[in-house]
N, C-alpha and C. Protein backbone atom coordinates (compact mmCIF):
# COMPACT_ATOMS: atom_id res chain seq x y z
N UNK A 1 0.83 -1.17 0.00
CA UNK A 1 0.00 0.00 0.00
C UNK A 1 0.88 1.24 0.00
N UNK A 2 0.39 2.26 -0.62
CA UNK A 2 1.11 3.51 -0.67
C UNK A 2 1.28 4.10 0.73
N UNK A 3 0.32 3.87 1.59
CA UNK A 3 0.40 4.41 2.95
C UNK A 3 1.64 3.89 3.68
N UNK A 4 2.09 2.69 3.32
CA UNK A 4 3.27 2.11 3.95
C UNK A 4 4.55 2.80 3.49
N UNK A 5 4.52 3.41 2.30
CA UNK A 5 5.70 4.07 1.73
C UNK A 5 5.24 5.26 0.90
N UNK A 6 4.89 6.37 1.55
CA UNK A 6 4.33 7.50 0.81
C UNK A 6 5.29 8.12 -0.20
N UNK A 7 6.58 7.84 -0.07
CA UNK A 7 7.55 8.37 -1.01
C UNK A 7 7.81 7.40 -2.17
N UNK A 8 6.99 6.37 -2.27
CA UNK A 8 7.18 5.34 -3.29
C UNK A 8 7.21 5.96 -4.68
N UNK A 9 8.22 5.61 -5.45
CA UNK A 9 8.31 6.10 -6.82
C UNK A 9 8.25 4.93 -7.80
N UNK A 10 7.80 3.79 -7.34
CA UNK A 10 7.81 2.59 -8.18
C UNK A 10 6.45 2.27 -8.79
N UNK A 11 5.47 3.14 -8.63
CA UNK A 11 4.18 2.90 -9.27
C UNK A 11 4.26 3.35 -10.72
N UNK A 12 4.04 2.43 -11.61
CA UNK A 12 4.11 2.71 -13.04
C UNK A 12 2.79 2.36 -13.70
N UNK A 13 2.56 2.93 -14.85
CA UNK A 13 1.35 2.63 -15.60
C UNK A 13 1.71 2.56 -17.07
N UNK A 14 1.05 1.69 -17.80
CA UNK A 14 1.25 1.60 -19.24
C UNK A 14 -0.11 1.68 -19.90
N UNK A 15 -0.23 2.59 -20.83
CA UNK A 15 -1.49 2.75 -21.54
C UNK A 15 -1.72 1.56 -22.46
N UNK A 16 -2.91 1.04 -22.46
CA UNK A 16 -3.28 -0.01 -23.41
C UNK A 16 -3.75 0.62 -24.72
N UNK A 17 -4.32 1.81 -24.62
CA UNK A 17 -4.74 2.57 -25.80
C UNK A 17 -3.91 3.85 -25.84
N UNK A 18 -3.01 4.00 -26.83
CA UNK A 18 -2.17 5.19 -26.90
C UNK A 18 -3.01 6.48 -26.81
N UNK A 19 -2.56 7.38 -25.95
CA UNK A 19 -3.24 8.67 -25.79
C UNK A 19 -4.39 8.66 -24.81
N UNK A 20 -4.75 7.48 -24.26
CA UNK A 20 -5.90 7.38 -23.36
C UNK A 20 -5.74 8.28 -22.13
N UNK A 21 -4.53 8.40 -21.66
CA UNK A 21 -4.29 9.18 -20.44
C UNK A 21 -3.80 10.60 -20.72
N UNK A 22 -3.87 11.03 -21.95
CA UNK A 22 -3.46 12.41 -22.27
C UNK A 22 -4.27 13.39 -21.42
N UNK A 23 -3.56 14.27 -20.75
CA UNK A 23 -4.23 15.28 -19.93
C UNK A 23 -4.62 14.79 -18.54
N UNK A 24 -4.35 13.55 -18.22
CA UNK A 24 -4.69 13.01 -16.90
C UNK A 24 -3.48 13.16 -15.99
N UNK A 25 -3.71 13.70 -14.81
CA UNK A 25 -2.64 13.80 -13.81
C UNK A 25 -3.26 13.65 -12.43
N UNK A 26 -2.42 13.48 -11.45
CA UNK A 26 -2.93 13.35 -10.10
C UNK A 26 -2.01 12.52 -9.24
N UNK A 27 -2.48 12.22 -8.07
CA UNK A 27 -1.73 11.38 -7.15
C UNK A 27 -2.64 10.26 -6.67
N UNK A 28 -2.02 9.17 -6.24
CA UNK A 28 -2.76 8.02 -5.73
C UNK A 28 -2.93 8.15 -4.23
N UNK A 29 -4.10 7.78 -3.75
CA UNK A 29 -4.36 7.72 -2.31
C UNK A 29 -5.07 6.41 -2.03
N UNK A 30 -4.58 5.68 -1.02
CA UNK A 30 -5.23 4.43 -0.65
C UNK A 30 -6.67 4.69 -0.25
N UNK A 31 -7.62 3.86 -0.69
CA UNK A 31 -9.02 4.03 -0.29
C UNK A 31 -9.20 3.89 1.22
N UNK A 32 -10.12 4.64 1.79
CA UNK A 32 -10.37 4.60 3.23
C UNK A 32 -10.73 3.19 3.70
N UNK A 33 -11.39 2.41 2.83
CA UNK A 33 -11.78 1.06 3.20
C UNK A 33 -10.62 0.14 3.53
N UNK A 34 -9.43 0.48 3.05
CA UNK A 34 -8.24 -0.33 3.35
C UNK A 34 -7.89 -0.29 4.83
N UNK A 35 -8.39 0.72 5.55
CA UNK A 35 -7.97 0.93 6.93
C UNK A 35 -9.10 0.68 7.93
N UNK A 36 -10.16 0.03 7.51
CA UNK A 36 -11.31 -0.16 8.38
C UNK A 36 -10.96 -0.96 9.64
N UNK A 37 -10.06 -1.93 9.51
CA UNK A 37 -9.71 -2.74 10.69
C UNK A 37 -8.93 -1.91 11.71
N UNK A 38 -8.27 -0.84 11.26
CA UNK A 38 -7.56 0.03 12.18
C UNK A 38 -8.50 1.09 12.78
N UNK A 39 -9.46 1.57 12.00
CA UNK A 39 -10.36 2.62 12.46
C UNK A 39 -11.49 2.10 13.34
N UNK A 40 -11.94 0.88 13.08
CA UNK A 40 -13.05 0.30 13.84
C UNK A 40 -12.78 -1.18 14.07
N UNK A 41 -11.80 -1.50 14.93
CA UNK A 41 -11.43 -2.90 15.12
C UNK A 41 -12.58 -3.79 15.61
N UNK A 42 -13.44 -3.25 16.47
CA UNK A 42 -14.54 -4.06 16.97
C UNK A 42 -15.54 -4.34 15.85
N UNK A 43 -15.86 -3.33 15.06
CA UNK A 43 -16.77 -3.52 13.94
C UNK A 43 -16.20 -4.48 12.92
N UNK A 44 -14.90 -4.40 12.70
CA UNK A 44 -14.23 -5.30 11.77
C UNK A 44 -14.33 -6.74 12.27
N UNK A 45 -14.09 -6.95 13.54
CA UNK A 45 -14.18 -8.30 14.11
C UNK A 45 -15.60 -8.85 14.01
N UNK A 46 -16.61 -8.01 14.25
CA UNK A 46 -18.00 -8.46 14.11
C UNK A 46 -18.29 -8.87 12.66
N UNK A 47 -17.78 -8.08 11.72
CA UNK A 47 -17.96 -8.39 10.31
C UNK A 47 -17.27 -9.72 9.96
N UNK A 48 -16.04 -9.88 10.38
CA UNK A 48 -15.28 -11.11 10.11
C UNK A 48 -15.99 -12.33 10.69
N UNK A 49 -16.64 -12.17 11.83
CA UNK A 49 -17.31 -13.28 12.50
C UNK A 49 -18.52 -13.77 11.71
N UNK A 50 -18.99 -13.01 10.74
CA UNK A 50 -20.15 -13.44 9.95
C UNK A 50 -19.77 -14.47 8.89
N UNK A 51 -18.48 -14.70 8.68
CA UNK A 51 -18.02 -15.67 7.69
C UNK A 51 -17.71 -17.00 8.37
N UNK A 52 -17.98 -18.08 7.67
CA UNK A 52 -17.66 -19.39 8.23
C UNK A 52 -16.15 -19.59 8.26
N UNK A 53 -15.71 -20.40 9.22
CA UNK A 53 -14.28 -20.67 9.37
C UNK A 53 -13.81 -21.52 8.20
N UNK A 54 -12.68 -21.14 7.63
CA UNK A 54 -12.10 -21.88 6.51
C UNK A 54 -10.82 -22.55 6.95
N UNK A 55 -10.59 -23.75 6.44
CA UNK A 55 -9.36 -24.48 6.73
C UNK A 55 -8.42 -24.34 5.54
N UNK A 56 -7.19 -23.89 5.82
CA UNK A 56 -6.21 -23.77 4.75
C UNK A 56 -5.68 -25.16 4.44
N UNK A 57 -5.75 -25.54 3.18
CA UNK A 57 -5.27 -26.84 2.75
C UNK A 57 -4.12 -26.66 1.78
N UNK A 58 -3.24 -27.62 1.75
CA UNK A 58 -2.18 -27.65 0.76
C UNK A 58 -2.40 -28.91 -0.07
N UNK A 59 -2.68 -28.71 -1.35
CA UNK A 59 -2.98 -29.82 -2.24
C UNK A 59 -1.76 -30.21 -3.05
N UNK A 60 -1.71 -31.46 -3.53
CA UNK A 60 -0.57 -31.89 -4.34
C UNK A 60 -0.39 -30.96 -5.54
N UNK A 61 0.84 -30.59 -5.79
CA UNK A 61 1.15 -29.72 -6.92
C UNK A 61 1.06 -28.25 -6.60
N UNK A 62 0.59 -27.93 -5.40
CA UNK A 62 0.47 -26.53 -4.97
C UNK A 62 1.84 -26.02 -4.53
N UNK A 63 2.24 -24.87 -5.03
CA UNK A 63 3.57 -24.35 -4.71
C UNK A 63 3.62 -23.73 -3.32
N UNK A 64 2.58 -23.03 -2.92
CA UNK A 64 2.62 -22.35 -1.62
C UNK A 64 1.51 -22.82 -0.73
């Protein structure tokens, strides 16, 4: 996330359609939703509790 390194200069973009970004400028800001667990930890935990527990499995041929 950019918030982890606000001086990051490694964000690059490549146009798929030449000229599509002509005249476009600005800066990137992480969406507020990225920080919900920090801003409302109790609400985040209540939300997480609505999901069923998942078991992480490692299957044959899986690299990680």
